[in-house]
Amino acid sequence: THIPKTGMICSKDNLARIIKKLKQLYGKIFDFTPLTFILPNDYRQIISYQNQDGNENGLWICKPTDLSRGRGISIVSNMDDLKYEQ
């Protein structure tokens, strides 16, 4: 069974959106999560971030929205290898 009204925090993308909003409202107390981009909406931001000095060789953990138990997770170092549904 699920706890009522908790569906919004049970998916990775929704949880990231909520934490982003809480960071805007309450500041550093919500700085406990890694940098997160939600595609396709944040595609320009992730490209801009990766193109900054020092970020070119970074690795990204890509998690699909609707899978669980680690299925579909990939590691991407080049944004050309990034695949997502538009």
N, C-alpha and C. Protein backbone atom coordinates (compact mmCIF):
# COMPACT_ATOMS: atom_id res chain seq x y z
N THR A 1 0.83 -1.18 0.00
CA THR A 1 0.00 0.00 0.00
C THR A 1 0.88 1.24 0.00
N HIS A 2 0.29 2.34 -0.39
CA HIS A 2 1.01 3.61 -0.45
C HIS A 2 0.42 4.57 0.58
N ILE A 3 1.23 5.48 1.01
CA ILE A 3 0.75 6.53 1.89
C ILE A 3 -0.03 7.52 1.03
N PRO A 4 -1.25 7.85 1.40
CA PRO A 4 -2.05 8.78 0.58
C PRO A 4 -1.35 10.12 0.36
N LYS A 5 -1.54 10.68 -0.83
CA LYS A 5 -1.04 12.01 -1.21
C LYS A 5 0.49 12.09 -1.33
N THR A 6 1.18 10.95 -1.46
CA THR A 6 2.63 10.98 -1.59
C THR A 6 3.10 10.65 -3.00
N GLY A 7 2.19 10.47 -3.93
CA GLY A 7 2.56 10.10 -5.29
C GLY A 7 3.52 11.07 -5.95
N MET A 8 3.42 12.36 -5.62
CA MET A 8 4.29 13.36 -6.24
C MET A 8 5.76 13.18 -5.90
N ILE A 9 6.07 12.60 -4.76
CA ILE A 9 7.48 12.44 -4.39
C ILE A 9 8.00 11.05 -4.71
N CYS A 10 7.18 10.22 -5.33
CA CYS A 10 7.59 8.85 -5.62
C CYS A 10 8.26 8.69 -6.97
N SER A 11 8.25 9.70 -7.80
CA SER A 11 8.98 9.62 -9.07
C SER A 11 10.13 10.61 -9.02
N LYS A 12 11.24 10.21 -9.65
CA LYS A 12 12.48 11.00 -9.58
C LYS A 12 12.30 12.42 -10.13
N ASP A 13 11.60 12.54 -11.24
CA ASP A 13 11.45 13.87 -11.85
C ASP A 13 10.57 14.77 -11.00
N ASN A 14 9.49 14.26 -10.47
CA ASN A 14 8.63 15.08 -9.62
C ASN A 14 9.32 15.48 -8.32
N LEU A 15 10.05 14.54 -7.72
CA LEU A 15 10.78 14.86 -6.50
C LEU A 15 11.82 15.96 -6.77
N ALA A 16 12.51 15.88 -7.91
CA ALA A 16 13.49 16.91 -8.25
C ALA A 16 12.83 18.27 -8.44
N ARG A 17 11.67 18.30 -9.06
CA ARG A 17 10.94 19.56 -9.23
C ARG A 17 10.55 20.16 -7.87
N ILE A 18 10.06 19.32 -6.98
CA ILE A 18 9.65 19.80 -5.66
C ILE A 18 10.83 20.33 -4.87
N ILE A 19 11.94 19.61 -4.88
CA ILE A 19 13.12 20.07 -4.14
C ILE A 19 13.67 21.35 -4.75
N LYS A 20 13.64 21.49 -6.06
CA LYS A 20 14.08 22.73 -6.71
C LYS A 20 13.24 23.91 -6.23
N LYS A 21 11.93 23.71 -6.18
CA LYS A 21 11.03 24.77 -5.71
C LYS A 21 11.30 25.09 -4.23
N LEU A 22 11.54 24.07 -3.41
CA LEU A 22 11.83 24.30 -1.99
C LEU A 22 13.15 25.04 -1.81
N LYS A 23 14.15 24.75 -2.66
CA LYS A 23 15.42 25.49 -2.61
C LYS A 23 15.19 26.96 -2.89
N GLN A 24 14.32 27.26 -3.86
CA GLN A 24 14.02 28.66 -4.18
C GLN A 24 13.34 29.35 -3.02
N LEU A 25 12.46 28.63 -2.34
CA LEU A 25 11.70 29.23 -1.24
C LEU A 25 12.49 29.34 0.06
N TYR A 26 13.27 28.28 0.40
CA TYR A 26 13.88 28.20 1.72
C TYR A 26 15.41 28.19 1.73
N GLY A 27 16.03 28.17 0.57
CA GLY A 27 17.48 28.31 0.49
C GLY A 27 18.28 27.07 0.79
N LYS A 28 19.43 27.27 1.42
CA LYS A 28 20.47 26.26 1.57
C LYS A 28 20.04 25.01 2.33
N ILE A 29 19.01 25.10 3.10
CA ILE A 29 18.58 23.92 3.86
C ILE A 29 18.20 22.77 2.90
N PHE A 30 17.89 23.09 1.66
CA PHE A 30 17.54 22.07 0.67
C PHE A 30 18.67 21.82 -0.32
N ASP A 31 19.92 22.07 0.06
CA ASP A 31 21.08 21.81 -0.80
C ASP A 31 21.66 20.41 -0.58
N PHE A 32 20.85 19.45 -0.23
CA PHE A 32 21.35 18.10 0.06
C PHE A 32 21.25 17.17 -1.15
N THR A 33 20.76 17.66 -2.28
CA THR A 33 20.65 16.81 -3.47
C THR A 33 21.68 17.23 -4.51
N PRO A 34 22.10 16.30 -5.35
CA PRO A 34 23.04 16.66 -6.41
C PRO A 34 22.37 17.51 -7.48
N LEU A 35 23.17 18.16 -8.28
CA LEU A 35 22.68 18.95 -9.39
C LEU A 35 21.83 18.05 -10.29
N THR A 36 20.63 18.49 -10.61
CA THR A 36 19.68 17.67 -11.36
C THR A 36 19.08 18.47 -12.50
N PHE A 37 19.00 17.82 -13.65
CA PHE A 37 18.34 18.41 -14.81
C PHE A 37 17.24 17.46 -15.24
N ILE A 38 16.10 18.00 -15.62
CA ILE A 38 14.97 17.18 -16.06
C ILE A 38 14.77 17.45 -17.54
N LEU A 39 14.96 16.41 -18.32
CA LEU A 39 14.85 16.55 -19.78
C LEU A 39 13.44 16.20 -20.23
N PRO A 40 12.95 16.83 -21.26
CA PRO A 40 13.65 17.70 -22.18
C PRO A 40 13.66 19.17 -21.77
N ASN A 41 12.92 19.56 -20.74
CA ASN A 41 12.80 20.98 -20.38
C ASN A 41 14.13 21.64 -20.05
N ASP A 42 15.03 20.94 -19.41
CA ASP A 42 16.30 21.53 -18.97
C ASP A 42 17.45 21.24 -19.93
N TYR A 43 17.16 20.85 -21.15
CA TYR A 43 18.23 20.48 -22.09
C TYR A 43 19.22 21.63 -22.31
N ARG A 44 18.72 22.84 -22.53
CA ARG A 44 19.63 23.98 -22.76
C ARG A 44 20.50 24.25 -21.53
N GLN A 45 19.93 24.10 -20.35
CA GLN A 45 20.70 24.34 -19.11
C GLN A 45 21.81 23.30 -18.93
N ILE A 46 21.52 22.03 -19.24
CA ILE A 46 22.55 21.00 -19.07
C ILE A 46 23.68 21.20 -20.07
N ILE A 47 23.35 21.59 -21.30
CA ILE A 47 24.38 21.85 -22.31
C ILE A 47 25.21 23.06 -21.89
N SER A 48 24.57 24.11 -21.43
CA SER A 48 25.28 25.30 -20.96
C SER A 48 26.20 24.96 -19.79
N TYR A 49 25.70 24.18 -18.84
CA TYR A 49 26.51 23.80 -17.68
C TYR A 49 27.71 22.97 -18.10
N GLN A 50 27.51 22.01 -18.99
CA GLN A 50 28.61 21.17 -19.41
C GLN A 50 29.67 21.95 -20.19
N ASN A 51 29.27 23.00 -20.89
CA ASN A 51 30.22 23.77 -21.68
C ASN A 51 31.03 24.77 -20.86
N GLN A 52 30.73 24.93 -19.58
CA GLN A 52 31.51 25.81 -18.72
C GLN A 52 32.87 25.18 -18.45
N ASP A 53 33.88 26.03 -18.24
CA ASP A 53 35.23 25.53 -17.95
C ASP A 53 35.20 24.61 -16.74
N GLY A 54 35.85 23.47 -16.89
CA GLY A 54 35.94 22.51 -15.80
C GLY A 54 34.84 21.46 -15.79
N ASN A 55 33.81 21.64 -16.58
CA ASN A 55 32.70 20.68 -16.59
C ASN A 55 32.68 19.81 -17.84
N GLU A 56 33.63 20.02 -18.75
CA GLU A 56 33.59 19.34 -20.04
C GLU A 56 33.72 17.83 -19.92
N ASN A 57 34.44 17.34 -18.92
CA ASN A 57 34.71 15.91 -18.80
C ASN A 57 33.86 15.24 -17.73
N GLY A 58 32.75 15.87 -17.39
CA GLY A 58 31.89 15.32 -16.35
C GLY A 58 31.11 14.11 -16.80
N LEU A 59 30.70 13.32 -15.83
CA LEU A 59 29.85 12.17 -16.09
C LEU A 59 28.46 12.47 -15.55
N TRP A 60 27.45 11.99 -16.25
CA TRP A 60 26.07 12.21 -15.86
C TRP A 60 25.37 10.88 -15.68
N ILE A 61 24.61 10.78 -14.62
CA ILE A 61 23.77 9.61 -14.41
C ILE A 61 22.40 9.94 -14.98
N CYS A 62 21.97 9.15 -15.94
CA CYS A 62 20.68 9.39 -16.59
C CYS A 62 19.69 8.32 -16.14
N LYS A 63 18.60 8.78 -15.56
CA LYS A 63 17.58 7.88 -15.06
C LYS A 63 16.28 8.12 -15.80
N PRO A 64 15.71 7.07 -16.37
CA PRO A 64 14.43 7.25 -17.04
C PRO A 64 13.31 7.50 -16.03
N THR A 65 12.28 8.16 -16.46
CA THR A 65 11.20 8.55 -15.56
C THR A 65 10.39 7.38 -15.04
N ASP A 66 9.99 6.48 -15.91
CA ASP A 66 9.00 5.48 -15.53
C ASP A 66 9.55 4.07 -15.29
N LEU A 67 10.81 3.95 -14.97
CA LEU A 67 11.36 2.63 -14.67
C LEU A 67 11.80 2.59 -13.21
N SER A 68 11.96 1.38 -12.69
CA SER A 68 12.35 1.22 -11.30
C SER A 68 13.45 0.17 -11.18
N ARG A 69 13.98 0.01 -9.98
CA ARG A 69 14.99 -1.00 -9.66
C ARG A 69 16.24 -0.90 -10.52
N GLY A 70 16.61 0.30 -10.93
CA GLY A 70 17.84 0.51 -11.68
C GLY A 70 17.74 0.23 -13.17
N ARG A 71 16.57 -0.14 -13.65
CA ARG A 71 16.42 -0.44 -15.07
C ARG A 71 16.53 0.84 -15.88
N GLY A 72 17.29 0.78 -16.97
CA GLY A 72 17.39 1.89 -17.89
C GLY A 72 18.36 2.98 -17.49
N ILE A 73 19.03 2.86 -16.35
CA ILE A 73 20.00 3.88 -15.93
C ILE A 73 21.25 3.76 -16.80
N SER A 74 21.77 4.91 -17.22
CA SER A 74 22.99 4.93 -18.02
C SER A 74 23.91 6.05 -17.54
N ILE A 75 25.18 5.91 -17.88
CA ILE A 75 26.18 6.93 -17.58
C ILE A 75 26.57 7.57 -18.90
N VAL A 76 26.52 8.90 -18.95
CA VAL A 76 26.81 9.63 -20.19
C VAL A 76 27.92 10.65 -19.90
N SER A 77 28.91 10.69 -20.78
CA SER A 77 29.96 11.70 -20.65
C SER A 77 29.88 12.72 -21.78
N ASN A 78 29.27 12.34 -22.86
CA ASN A 78 29.14 13.21 -24.03
C ASN A 78 27.65 13.45 -24.27
N MET A 79 27.25 14.70 -24.36
CA MET A 79 25.83 15.01 -24.54
C MET A 79 25.28 14.48 -25.87
N ASP A 80 26.16 14.17 -26.83
CA ASP A 80 25.71 13.57 -28.08
C ASP A 80 25.18 12.15 -27.86
N ASP A 81 25.62 11.52 -26.77
CA ASP A 81 25.16 10.17 -26.45
C ASP A 81 23.87 10.17 -25.65
N LEU A 82 23.43 11.35 -25.25
CA LEU A 82 22.23 11.47 -24.44
C LEU A 82 21.01 11.17 -25.28
N LYS A 83 20.19 10.25 -24.78
CA LYS A 83 18.96 9.89 -25.48
C LYS A 83 17.79 10.09 -24.54
N TYR A 84 16.77 10.75 -25.03
CA TYR A 84 15.56 10.94 -24.26
C TYR A 84 14.40 11.11 -25.21
N GLU A 85 13.22 10.80 -24.72
CA GLU A 85 12.03 10.96 -25.54
C GLU A 85 11.58 12.40 -25.50
N GLN A 86 11.25 12.96 -26.65
CA GLN A 86 10.80 14.34 -26.71
C GLN A 86 9.31 14.43 -26.66
